Amino acid sequence: MARTHDDDWDLASSVGATATMVAAGRAMATKDPRGLINDPFADPLVRAVGVDFFIKMMNGELDLAEIQNSSPARMQAMLDGMVVRTKYFDDYFINATNGGIRQAVILASGLDARAYRLPWPVGTVVYELDQPQVIDFKTTTLTKIGAEPTAVRRTIPIDLRGDWPAALQAAGWDAMAPTAWLAEGLLIYLPPEAQDLLFDNITAVSAADSTIATEFVPGIVDFDAEQAREMAGTLRDHGLDIDMSSLVYSGERNHVVDYLNGIGWLVEGVTRTELFQLNGLTVPDPADDDPLGEIIFISGGLPG
């Protein structure tokens, strides 16, 4: 089903299912003997969602290369891509709080468990924003397994198309103090104008010395919807109904680095290839590369 301006979802449908897919990737990456990331909560969260495809994927019961008519090298590249993405944003928060920031905001938090697994300094408050059913599910599931946040965790059950800055302030967020903002895996699910509005809203309420991290997916500009539909058909044959062609917004949009720098931030981007190299991972052959192209990971700060 195509996106609409007022659609919603849970973690087994629509955009929510992609959050579960990403968490399944983190669970698999956590088992990697290289130990570059550690998310012990991804596996139980995905199992609680209950999508059989993802559970079998984590159990190693599915040959993803065969299902996707792809090579094992490409599947490894996708897993390594999840490793470097997760580590980049983990390190971002660690560096931000080491620099003195004591409040973090995770937009469209999905199954992100950083409030439970990162070494937050005492007194740090982590705000999570997402659909009410997503927030409720994650909180309930982690409580059931006895998980305790490593920071003060405050949840804001709201759609980002609503007045989320007001809801954030109502939850106790301090607009006068610097904030570490994160928008991970979000932008391709926003229309181009909504992407700009998101950053405008963040900038409008950010104190000096705030930081921001996100990513830019150049391939979304000329996204191959037909290829995505073909892939969705293959996955549907194995019980997974995710059609990216109906979930993402393709076409021209502002480059995030240029846009953020243009509205007062000082940010830089690093390519996924560079992150592979920095972390000692094999850079994928072009034939095994991500279909969305060379993802650019972005972070920086708002000078005073």
Protein backbone atom coordinates (compact mmCIF):
# COMPACT_ATOMS: atom_id res chain seq x y z
CA MET A 1 0.00 0.00 0.00
CA ALA A 2 1.33 3.43 -0.95
CA ARG A 3 2.14 5.94 1.77
CA THR A 4 -0.39 8.62 2.70
CA HIS A 5 -0.04 11.82 4.71
CA ASP A 6 -1.77 10.28 7.75
CA ASP A 7 -0.78 6.60 7.62
CA ASP A 8 0.35 4.76 10.73
CA TRP A 9 1.98 1.43 11.51
CA ASP A 10 3.10 -1.09 14.06
CA LEU A 11 6.37 -3.03 14.08
CA ALA A 12 5.07 -5.77 11.80
CA SER A 13 3.73 -3.53 9.05
CA SER A 14 4.67 -0.71 6.70
CA VAL A 15 7.58 1.46 7.85
CA GLY A 16 7.49 -0.24 11.23
CA ALA A 17 8.48 -3.56 9.68
CA THR A 18 11.63 -1.95 8.29
CA ALA A 19 12.59 -1.02 11.86
CA THR A 20 12.20 -4.67 12.80
CA MET A 21 14.28 -5.67 9.78
CA VAL A 22 17.06 -3.31 10.86
CA ALA A 23 16.92 -4.68 14.41
CA ALA A 24 17.22 -8.21 13.03
CA GLY A 25 20.32 -7.06 11.19
CA ARG A 26 21.74 -5.67 14.43
CA ALA A 27 21.02 -8.94 16.19
CA MET A 28 22.91 -10.85 13.53
CA ALA A 29 25.77 -8.35 13.55
CA THR A 30 26.03 -8.65 17.33
CA LYS A 31 26.85 -12.34 16.89
CA ASP A 32 29.73 -11.48 14.55
CA PRO A 33 33.00 -12.66 16.17
CA ARG A 34 34.71 -9.39 15.27
CA GLY A 35 32.67 -7.76 18.04
CA LEU A 36 32.34 -4.30 16.50
CA ILE A 37 28.86 -3.74 17.95
CA ASN A 38 26.86 -5.18 20.82
CA ASP A 39 23.07 -4.92 20.92
CA PRO A 40 21.82 -7.69 23.22
CA PHE A 41 18.27 -6.34 23.07
CA ALA A 42 17.78 -6.56 19.30
CA ASP A 43 17.21 -10.32 19.28
CA PRO A 44 14.52 -10.45 22.00
CA LEU A 45 12.76 -7.42 20.55
CA VAL A 46 12.57 -8.95 17.08
CA ARG A 47 11.36 -12.26 18.47
CA ALA A 48 8.66 -10.44 20.41
CA VAL A 49 7.43 -8.72 17.24
CA GLY A 50 6.93 -12.23 15.92
CA VAL A 51 7.54 -11.88 12.17
CA ASP A 52 8.52 -15.43 11.23
CA PHE A 53 10.83 -14.37 8.40
CA PHE A 54 13.03 -12.26 10.67
CA ILE A 55 13.15 -14.93 13.37
CA LYS A 56 14.27 -17.54 10.85
CA MET A 57 16.79 -15.06 9.48
CA MET A 58 18.33 -14.55 12.91
CA ASN A 59 18.34 -18.30 13.49
CA GLY A 60 20.27 -18.88 10.28
CA GLU A 61 17.41 -20.91 8.84
CA LEU A 62 17.13 -18.86 5.65
CA ASP A 63 19.58 -18.63 2.77
CA LEU A 64 19.18 -14.93 2.05
CA ALA A 65 21.52 -15.06 -0.92
CA GLU A 66 19.31 -17.66 -2.57
CA ILE A 67 16.09 -15.86 -1.68
CA GLN A 68 17.35 -12.59 -3.12
CA ASN A 69 19.05 -14.28 -6.08
CA SER A 70 22.24 -12.68 -4.86
CA SER A 71 25.75 -13.63 -3.84
CA PRO A 72 26.97 -14.49 -0.33
CA ALA A 73 29.38 -11.56 -0.70
CA ARG A 74 26.48 -9.17 -1.15
CA MET A 75 24.74 -10.55 1.92
CA GLN A 76 27.94 -10.09 3.92
CA ALA A 77 28.24 -6.55 2.61
CA MET A 78 24.72 -5.81 3.82
CA LEU A 79 25.50 -7.21 7.27
CA ASP A 80 28.77 -5.27 7.44
CA GLY A 81 26.84 -2.18 6.39
CA MET A 82 24.64 -2.61 9.45
CA VAL A 83 27.75 -3.00 11.60
CA VAL A 84 29.33 0.27 10.46
CA ARG A 85 26.03 2.16 10.58
CA THR A 86 25.32 1.08 14.15
CA LYS A 87 28.87 1.72 15.33
CA TYR A 88 28.97 5.15 13.71
CA PHE A 89 25.90 6.34 15.59
CA ASP A 90 26.93 4.59 18.83
CA ASP A 91 30.26 6.41 18.68
CA TYR A 92 28.47 9.66 17.87
CA PHE A 93 26.49 9.54 21.11
CA ILE A 94 29.50 8.47 23.16
CA ASN A 95 31.55 11.36 21.77
CA ALA A 96 28.71 13.84 22.32
CA THR A 97 28.26 12.91 25.96
CA ASN A 98 32.01 12.77 26.54
CA GLY A 99 31.94 16.37 25.34
CA GLY A 100 29.50 17.32 28.07
CA ILE A 101 26.05 16.97 26.47
CA ARG A 102 23.53 15.44 28.85
CA GLN A 103 20.37 15.15 26.77
CA ALA A 104 19.87 13.07 23.64
CA VAL A 105 16.89 12.88 21.30
CA ILE A 106 16.29 9.85 19.08
CA LEU A 107 13.75 10.63 16.37
CA ALA A 108 11.68 7.72 15.02
CA SER A 109 13.40 5.49 17.57
CA GLY A 110 11.80 2.21 16.47
CA LEU A 111 13.58 -0.70 18.17
CA ASP A 112 16.66 1.38 18.99
CA ALA A 113 17.82 0.23 22.46
CA ARG A 114 20.66 2.70 22.94
CA ALA A 115 19.00 4.05 26.08
CA TYR A 116 19.56 0.57 27.54
CA ARG A 117 22.94 -0.41 26.16
CA LEU A 118 25.24 2.60 25.81
CA PRO A 119 27.47 3.81 28.68
CA TRP A 120 25.66 7.08 29.31
CA PRO A 121 27.20 9.45 31.88
CA VAL A 122 25.23 9.89 35.10
CA GLY A 123 22.46 12.41 34.63
CA THR A 124 21.98 11.90 30.90
CA VAL A 125 18.38 11.96 29.69
CA VAL A 126 17.47 10.10 26.49
CA TYR A 127 14.23 11.10 24.76
CA GLU A 128 12.69 8.65 22.30
CA LEU A 129 10.02 9.72 19.80
CA ASP A 130 7.92 7.34 17.71
CA GLN A 131 4.40 6.11 17.03
CA PRO A 132 2.55 5.32 20.30
CA GLN A 133 2.21 1.60 19.55
CA VAL A 134 5.92 1.35 18.74
CA ILE A 135 6.95 3.07 21.98
CA ASP A 136 4.54 0.96 24.05
CA PHE A 137 5.69 -2.30 22.50
CA LYS A 138 9.38 -1.66 23.06
CA THR A 139 8.92 -0.45 26.62
CA THR A 140 6.71 -3.40 27.57
CA THR A 141 8.97 -5.98 25.93
CA LEU A 142 12.16 -4.72 27.54
CA THR A 143 10.46 -4.47 30.94
CA LYS A 144 9.36 -8.10 30.65
CA ILE A 145 12.93 -9.30 30.16
CA GLY A 146 14.18 -7.20 33.05
CA ALA A 147 16.09 -4.64 31.02
CA GLU A 148 16.97 -1.39 32.76
CA PRO A 149 17.91 1.85 30.96
CA THR A 150 21.45 3.06 31.49
CA ALA A 151 20.21 6.66 31.26
CA VAL A 152 17.04 8.45 32.30
CA ARG A 153 14.68 7.40 29.50
CA ARG A 154 11.69 9.52 28.56
CA THR A 155 9.37 8.46 25.78
CA ILE A 156 7.25 10.72 23.60
CA PRO A 157 4.54 8.77 21.75
CA ILE A 158 3.97 11.00 18.75
CA ASP A 159 4.05 10.92 14.98
CA LEU A 160 6.80 13.20 13.68
CA ARG A 161 4.21 14.80 11.39
CA GLY A 162 2.70 16.29 14.55
CA ASP A 163 4.02 19.05 16.80
CA TRP A 164 6.82 16.94 18.22
CA PRO A 165 8.93 19.91 19.46
CA ALA A 166 6.08 20.93 21.79
CA ALA A 167 5.65 17.33 22.95
CA LEU A 168 9.37 17.08 23.58
CA GLN A 169 9.36 20.19 25.75
CA ALA A 170 6.30 18.94 27.62
CA ALA A 171 8.30 15.79 28.48
CA GLY A 172 10.95 17.88 30.23
CA TRP A 173 13.47 18.46 27.45
CA ASP A 174 15.49 21.63 28.07
CA ALA A 175 15.66 23.90 25.03
CA MET A 176 18.36 26.01 26.69
CA ALA A 177 20.83 23.11 27.00
CA PRO A 178 22.71 21.49 24.12
CA THR A 179 21.18 18.33 22.66
CA ALA A 180 22.59 15.37 20.77
CA TRP A 181 20.05 14.71 18.00
CA LEU A 182 19.81 11.48 16.01
CA ALA A 183 17.74 10.83 12.87
CA GLU A 184 18.89 7.34 11.83
CA GLY A 185 17.27 5.42 8.99
CA LEU A 186 14.50 8.01 8.72
CA LEU A 187 15.00 10.36 5.81
CA ILE A 188 14.14 8.05 2.90
CA TYR A 189 10.68 7.62 4.45
CA LEU A 190 10.07 11.37 4.36
CA PRO A 191 9.06 13.44 1.33
CA PRO A 192 11.83 15.87 0.32
CA GLU A 193 10.05 18.87 1.80
CA ALA A 194 9.45 17.00 5.08
CA GLN A 195 13.17 16.21 5.28
CA ASP A 196 13.97 19.93 5.12
CA LEU A 197 11.21 20.76 7.62
CA LEU A 198 12.58 18.21 10.07
CA PHE A 199 15.98 19.88 10.05
CA ASP A 200 14.43 23.34 10.19
CA ASN A 201 12.48 22.33 13.29
CA ILE A 202 15.54 20.81 14.95
CA THR A 203 17.57 23.94 14.23
CA ALA A 204 14.85 26.26 15.52
CA VAL A 205 14.87 24.66 18.97
CA SER A 206 18.57 23.76 19.30
CA ALA A 207 20.86 25.53 21.73
CA ALA A 208 24.42 26.37 20.76
CA ASP A 209 26.83 23.43 20.97
CA SER A 210 24.13 20.92 20.11
CA THR A 211 25.13 18.07 17.81
CA ILE A 212 23.33 16.17 15.09
CA ALA A 213 23.79 12.87 13.28
CA THR A 214 21.95 11.34 10.36
CA GLU A 215 22.65 9.89 6.93
CA PHE A 216 22.05 10.74 3.28
CA VAL A 217 21.14 8.11 0.70
CA PRO A 218 22.06 9.46 -2.75
CA GLY A 219 20.45 6.46 -4.44
CA ILE A 220 17.00 7.58 -3.33
CA VAL A 221 17.10 10.22 -6.06
CA ASP A 222 16.89 7.62 -8.84
CA PHE A 223 15.45 4.76 -6.79
CA ASP A 224 14.56 1.76 -9.01
CA ALA A 225 10.98 1.09 -7.94
CA GLU A 226 10.54 -1.76 -10.40
CA GLN A 227 13.56 -3.62 -9.04
CA ALA A 228 12.27 -3.04 -5.51
CA ARG A 229 8.89 -4.50 -6.45
CA GLU A 230 10.58 -7.58 -7.90
CA MET A 231 12.56 -8.05 -4.69
CA ALA A 232 9.37 -7.60 -2.66
CA GLY A 233 7.69 -10.36 -4.66
CA THR A 234 10.52 -12.75 -3.86
CA LEU A 235 10.35 -11.91 -0.17
CA ARG A 236 6.57 -12.25 -0.18
CA ASP A 237 6.95 -15.81 -1.46
CA HIS A 238 8.85 -16.50 1.77
CA GLY A 239 6.34 -14.81 4.05
CA LEU A 240 7.67 -11.25 4.29
CA ASP A 241 5.47 -8.48 2.93
CA ILE A 242 7.74 -5.42 2.65
CA ASP A 243 7.63 -3.46 -0.60
CA MET A 244 10.16 -0.64 -0.36
CA SER A 245 8.78 0.90 -3.55
CA SER A 246 5.62 1.80 -1.63
CA LEU A 247 7.37 3.00 1.52
CA VAL A 248 10.12 5.37 0.43
CA TYR A 249 9.93 8.76 -1.24
CA SER A 250 12.22 8.88 -4.25
CA GLY A 251 13.27 11.78 -6.44
CA GLU A 252 15.36 14.89 -6.05
CA ARG A 253 15.98 16.23 -2.56
CA ASN A 254 18.51 18.44 -0.86
CA HIS A 255 21.85 16.92 0.04
CA VAL A 256 21.80 16.77 3.83
CA VAL A 257 25.36 18.03 4.31
CA ASP A 258 24.72 21.08 2.15
CA TYR A 259 21.33 21.77 3.72
CA LEU A 260 22.49 21.53 7.33
CA ASN A 261 25.56 23.65 6.68
CA GLY A 262 23.32 26.16 4.95
CA ILE A 263 21.11 26.62 8.03
CA GLY A 264 23.92 27.10 10.51
CA TRP A 265 25.34 23.67 11.39
CA LEU A 266 28.90 22.56 10.75
CA VAL A 267 28.63 18.95 9.62
CA GLU A 268 30.74 16.55 7.61
CA GLY A 269 29.97 13.31 5.86
CA VAL A 270 31.83 10.03 5.72
CA THR A 271 30.98 7.39 3.15
CA ARG A 272 30.09 3.84 3.98
CA THR A 273 33.19 2.72 2.06
CA GLU A 274 35.36 4.88 4.32
CA LEU A 275 33.71 3.36 7.38
CA PHE A 276 34.38 -0.13 6.05
CA GLN A 277 38.05 0.80 5.70
CA LEU A 278 38.27 2.47 9.12
CA ASN A 279 36.82 -0.63 10.77
CA GLY A 280 38.98 -3.11 8.87
CA LEU A 281 36.11 -4.56 6.83
CA THR A 282 36.28 -5.68 3.23
CA VAL A 283 34.93 -3.03 0.88
CA PRO A 284 32.24 -4.62 -1.31
CA ASP A 285 32.82 -5.12 -4.99
CA PRO A 286 30.54 -2.78 -6.98
CA ALA A 287 28.52 -5.81 -8.07
CA ASP A 288 27.82 -6.58 -4.41
CA ASP A 289 27.12 -3.02 -3.37
CA ASP A 290 24.01 -1.65 -1.71
CA PRO A 291 21.22 -1.01 -4.26
CA LEU A 292 20.76 2.48 -2.81
CA GLY A 293 24.37 3.37 -3.50
CA GLU A 294 27.09 4.89 -1.36
CA ILE A 295 25.37 5.94 1.85
CA ILE A 296 26.88 9.02 3.51
CA PHE A 297 26.90 9.20 7.31
CA ILE A 298 26.76 12.71 8.70
CA SER A 299 27.48 14.39 12.01
CA GLY A 300 28.50 17.76 13.36
CA GLY A 301 27.56 20.57 15.68
CA LEU A 302 25.81 23.91 15.99
CA PRO A 303 28.35 26.60 16.83
CA GLY A 304 27.56 29.30 19.37
